Amino acid sequence: MRHCLSTSIRACTAALVASAALTAADGPSFSMSLQWRPTSPLSDTTERIELMPFANVKVALKPLVDQRKDKTFVGENREKGYSRYVTTTDDVPVLLTSRVLDLMKEAGLPVSDKVEGANLVLTGEILRYGVTETQTYKGELRLLLEIHSGDKSVWKGMVVGRASRFGRSYKPENYQEVLSDVVVEAVSRMLSDQTFLRVLSGKAMVVPIPAAN
């Protein structure tokens, strides 16, 4: 009798665990790690940069500052008439700083995370980073960037990266791909801005007004 009762309890426990797992996957929200899964390389959308002006320049990228209200939010599904959220416990600004730094290096720029000895320092604020899913996955990364020469601000501007894709509904891998693609697109736009590149190389000192949208 005790053996039967023990077997029954184990079966019920297994069923409850399986039910909880299903709820976590299909319920109102889920949490995921931010894996790096871009669908295309930076070189596909970025022209080759003239690196001669950077020959005697050292640029430092300081850690990005997360200004978003909800630091865990990375996605939202609106297909069912209500919102289901995607969150992460990963350190978003640390990961984004690392990705932006790697992409700038990939383009050939003399940039590092070492402020000491740098001619110019690039700082940035994360204003938006996330994906909205309706019929498609649409993501956006919005960064407010600033270039400093010593204690002087010599450039300030907004860079926005957007990406979209079709895919199976409410799947972590699709969110990860779009969240990666918006970073690549933002850096591509940054490196396609000739004014930004001239200031970053120390060849021009201007302070444009950031775009309003």
Protein backbone atom coordinates (compact mmCIF):
# COMPACT_ATOMS: atom_id res chain seq x y z
CA MET A 1 0.00 0.00 0.00
CA ARG A 2 2.83 2.36 0.92
CA HIS A 3 4.60 1.50 -2.33
CA CYS A 4 1.48 2.35 -4.35
CA LEU A 5 1.04 5.64 -2.48
CA SER A 6 4.70 6.56 -3.06
CA THR A 7 4.40 5.76 -6.75
CA SER A 8 1.26 7.89 -7.01
CA ILE A 9 2.92 10.85 -5.30
CA ARG A 10 5.90 10.65 -7.65
CA ALA A 11 3.58 10.54 -10.66
CA CYS A 12 1.63 13.57 -9.44
CA THR A 13 4.85 15.48 -8.76
CA ALA A 14 6.13 14.75 -12.27
CA ALA A 15 2.84 15.91 -13.76
CA LEU A 16 2.98 19.18 -11.79
CA VAL A 17 6.57 19.84 -12.92
CA ALA A 18 5.62 19.20 -16.55
CA SER A 19 2.60 21.50 -16.19
CA ALA A 20 4.74 24.27 -14.68
CA ALA A 21 7.24 24.00 -17.54
CA LEU A 22 4.44 24.30 -20.09
CA THR A 23 3.06 27.37 -18.32
CA ALA A 24 6.48 29.00 -18.27
CA ALA A 25 6.89 28.47 -22.02
CA ASP A 26 3.35 29.37 -23.14
CA GLY A 27 2.20 31.71 -20.40
CA PRO A 28 2.16 35.51 -20.08
CA SER A 29 5.95 35.92 -19.98
CA PHE A 30 9.31 34.19 -20.17
CA SER A 31 12.92 35.06 -19.37
CA MET A 32 15.88 34.27 -21.60
CA SER A 33 19.59 34.85 -21.97
CA LEU A 34 20.80 37.30 -24.61
CA GLN A 35 22.64 35.13 -27.10
CA TRP A 36 24.53 36.77 -29.96
CA ARG A 37 22.75 35.61 -33.13
CA PRO A 38 22.94 38.27 -35.88
CA THR A 39 21.51 37.17 -39.22
CA SER A 40 24.03 39.16 -41.29
CA PRO A 41 27.53 40.58 -40.68
CA LEU A 42 28.39 44.26 -40.25
CA SER A 43 30.20 44.24 -43.61
CA ASP A 44 26.93 43.62 -45.47
CA THR A 45 25.60 47.08 -44.64
CA THR A 46 28.73 49.14 -43.91
CA GLU A 47 31.11 50.57 -46.48
CA ARG A 48 34.81 50.21 -45.90
CA ILE A 49 36.06 52.97 -43.58
CA GLU A 50 39.07 55.10 -44.50
CA LEU A 51 41.35 54.35 -41.55
CA MET A 52 44.24 56.72 -42.36
CA PRO A 53 42.77 59.60 -40.28
CA PHE A 54 42.81 57.27 -37.25
CA ALA A 55 46.52 56.46 -37.57
CA ASN A 56 47.53 58.41 -34.45
CA VAL A 57 44.26 58.22 -32.57
CA LYS A 58 43.22 56.11 -29.60
CA VAL A 59 39.50 55.96 -28.89
CA ALA A 60 37.95 54.64 -25.69
CA LEU A 61 34.41 53.36 -25.35
CA LYS A 62 33.11 53.72 -21.81
CA PRO A 63 30.40 51.34 -20.53
CA LEU A 64 26.96 52.24 -21.87
CA VAL A 65 24.46 53.50 -19.29
CA ASP A 66 21.01 51.91 -19.25
CA GLN A 67 18.39 54.67 -19.00
CA ARG A 68 15.39 52.41 -19.65
CA LYS A 69 12.71 52.33 -16.97
CA ASP A 70 12.56 48.52 -16.96
CA LYS A 71 16.10 47.17 -17.12
CA THR A 72 14.91 43.57 -17.62
CA PHE A 73 12.57 44.16 -20.58
CA VAL A 74 13.70 42.94 -24.03
CA GLY A 75 10.49 41.97 -25.80
CA GLU A 76 6.71 41.99 -26.00
CA ASN A 77 4.21 39.84 -27.87
CA ARG A 78 0.87 41.50 -28.75
CA GLU A 79 -0.71 38.84 -30.94
CA LYS A 80 -3.42 37.78 -28.49
CA GLY A 81 -4.90 41.18 -27.74
CA TYR A 82 -2.83 41.51 -24.57
CA SER A 83 0.89 41.76 -23.90
CA ARG A 84 3.13 38.83 -23.09
CA TYR A 85 6.58 39.97 -22.01
CA VAL A 86 10.11 38.74 -22.63
CA THR A 87 12.68 39.61 -19.99
CA THR A 88 16.30 38.85 -19.19
CA THR A 89 18.40 38.70 -16.07
CA ASP A 90 21.55 39.37 -18.12
CA ASP A 91 23.43 42.65 -17.69
CA VAL A 92 22.16 44.47 -20.78
CA PRO A 93 24.56 47.48 -20.74
CA VAL A 94 27.60 45.24 -20.23
CA LEU A 95 26.60 42.99 -23.13
CA LEU A 96 25.71 45.87 -25.46
CA THR A 97 28.96 47.69 -24.65
CA SER A 98 30.91 44.54 -25.51
CA ARG A 99 29.02 44.03 -28.79
CA VAL A 100 29.42 47.65 -29.91
CA LEU A 101 33.12 47.57 -29.04
CA ASP A 102 33.67 44.32 -30.96
CA LEU A 103 31.83 45.64 -34.03
CA MET A 104 33.81 48.89 -34.07
CA LYS A 105 37.03 46.88 -33.84
CA GLU A 106 35.78 44.63 -36.64
CA ALA A 107 35.45 47.75 -38.80
CA GLY A 108 39.11 48.54 -38.09
CA LEU A 109 38.74 51.45 -35.67
CA PRO A 110 41.41 51.89 -32.96
CA VAL A 111 38.96 51.57 -30.07
CA SER A 112 39.24 49.88 -26.68
CA ASP A 113 37.68 50.02 -23.24
CA LYS A 114 40.82 51.69 -21.78
CA VAL A 115 40.25 55.38 -21.07
CA GLU A 116 43.82 56.03 -19.97
CA GLY A 117 45.86 57.36 -22.89
CA ALA A 118 42.84 57.81 -25.17
CA ASN A 119 42.62 60.92 -27.35
CA LEU A 120 38.83 60.75 -27.46
CA VAL A 121 36.25 59.02 -25.28
CA LEU A 122 32.90 57.77 -26.56
CA THR A 123 30.04 57.46 -24.07
CA GLY A 124 26.45 56.40 -24.59
CA GLU A 125 23.04 55.97 -23.02
CA ILE A 126 20.62 53.16 -23.85
CA LEU A 127 17.23 54.76 -24.38
CA ARG A 128 15.46 51.77 -25.94
CA TYR A 129 16.31 48.14 -26.55
CA GLY A 130 13.60 45.63 -27.29
CA VAL A 131 11.38 43.77 -29.73
CA THR A 132 7.65 44.11 -30.35
CA GLU A 133 5.99 41.08 -31.92
CA THR A 134 2.69 41.33 -33.78
CA GLN A 135 2.61 39.71 -37.23
CA THR A 136 6.39 40.15 -37.38
CA TYR A 137 9.23 40.70 -34.95
CA LYS A 138 10.26 44.37 -34.95
CA GLY A 139 13.19 45.52 -32.83
CA GLU A 140 14.86 48.80 -32.03
CA LEU A 141 18.03 49.95 -30.30
CA ARG A 142 18.21 53.66 -29.55
CA LEU A 143 21.50 55.10 -28.26
CA LEU A 144 22.37 58.68 -27.31
CA LEU A 145 26.10 58.97 -27.99
CA GLU A 146 28.63 61.61 -27.03
CA ILE A 147 32.29 62.12 -27.92
CA HIS A 148 34.56 63.78 -25.35
CA SER A 149 37.96 65.37 -25.85
CA GLY A 150 39.36 65.79 -22.37
CA ASP A 151 36.60 67.40 -20.31
CA LYS A 152 34.94 68.92 -23.39
CA SER A 153 32.00 67.45 -25.30
CA VAL A 154 32.75 67.72 -29.02
CA TRP A 155 29.87 65.73 -30.54
CA LYS A 156 26.48 64.46 -29.42
CA GLY A 157 23.89 62.60 -31.45
CA MET A 158 21.35 59.82 -31.64
CA VAL A 159 21.87 56.52 -33.40
CA VAL A 160 19.01 54.10 -34.02
CA GLY A 161 19.20 50.52 -35.16
CA ARG A 162 16.06 48.75 -36.38
CA ALA A 163 15.43 45.22 -37.62
CA SER A 164 12.47 42.98 -38.40
CA ARG A 165 11.86 39.40 -39.40
CA PHE A 166 9.18 36.76 -39.78
CA GLY A 167 9.25 33.70 -37.60
CA ARG A 168 7.30 31.28 -35.46
CA SER A 169 5.33 33.04 -32.77
CA TYR A 170 6.82 33.86 -29.37
CA LYS A 171 10.10 32.01 -29.83
CA PRO A 172 13.30 32.96 -27.92
CA GLU A 173 15.55 32.37 -30.94
CA ASN A 174 13.62 34.93 -33.01
CA TYR A 175 13.88 37.55 -30.27
CA GLN A 176 17.61 36.82 -29.93
CA GLU A 177 18.19 37.27 -33.66
CA VAL A 178 16.34 40.60 -33.85
CA LEU A 179 17.98 41.87 -30.64
CA SER A 180 21.35 41.07 -32.24
CA ASP A 181 20.46 42.57 -35.63
CA VAL A 182 19.48 45.94 -34.12
CA VAL A 183 22.96 46.24 -32.59
CA VAL A 184 24.61 45.53 -35.95
CA GLU A 185 22.31 48.05 -37.65
CA ALA A 186 22.97 50.75 -35.03
CA VAL A 187 26.75 50.38 -35.38
CA SER A 188 26.40 50.35 -39.17
CA ARG A 189 24.52 53.65 -39.05
CA MET A 190 27.08 55.07 -36.64
CA LEU A 191 29.97 54.16 -38.94
CA SER A 192 28.15 55.52 -41.98
CA ASP A 193 27.91 58.99 -40.43
CA GLN A 194 30.83 60.95 -41.90
CA THR A 195 30.52 63.75 -39.35
CA PHE A 196 30.74 61.24 -36.51
CA LEU A 197 33.83 59.63 -38.07
CA ARG A 198 35.57 62.99 -38.62
CA VAL A 199 35.02 64.01 -35.01
CA LEU A 200 36.06 60.58 -33.73
CA SER A 201 39.31 60.84 -35.69
CA GLY A 202 39.96 64.30 -34.23
CA LYS A 203 39.68 66.02 -37.63
CA ALA A 204 36.57 68.07 -36.79
CA MET A 205 35.07 69.50 -33.63
CA VAL A 206 31.35 70.16 -33.88
CA VAL A 207 28.36 69.62 -31.64
CA PRO A 208 25.23 68.80 -33.71
CA ILE A 209 21.80 68.79 -32.09
CA PRO A 210 20.48 65.25 -31.58
CA ALA A 211 17.65 64.17 -33.84
CA ALA A 212 14.20 64.41 -32.24
CA ASN A 213 13.02 61.01 -33.54
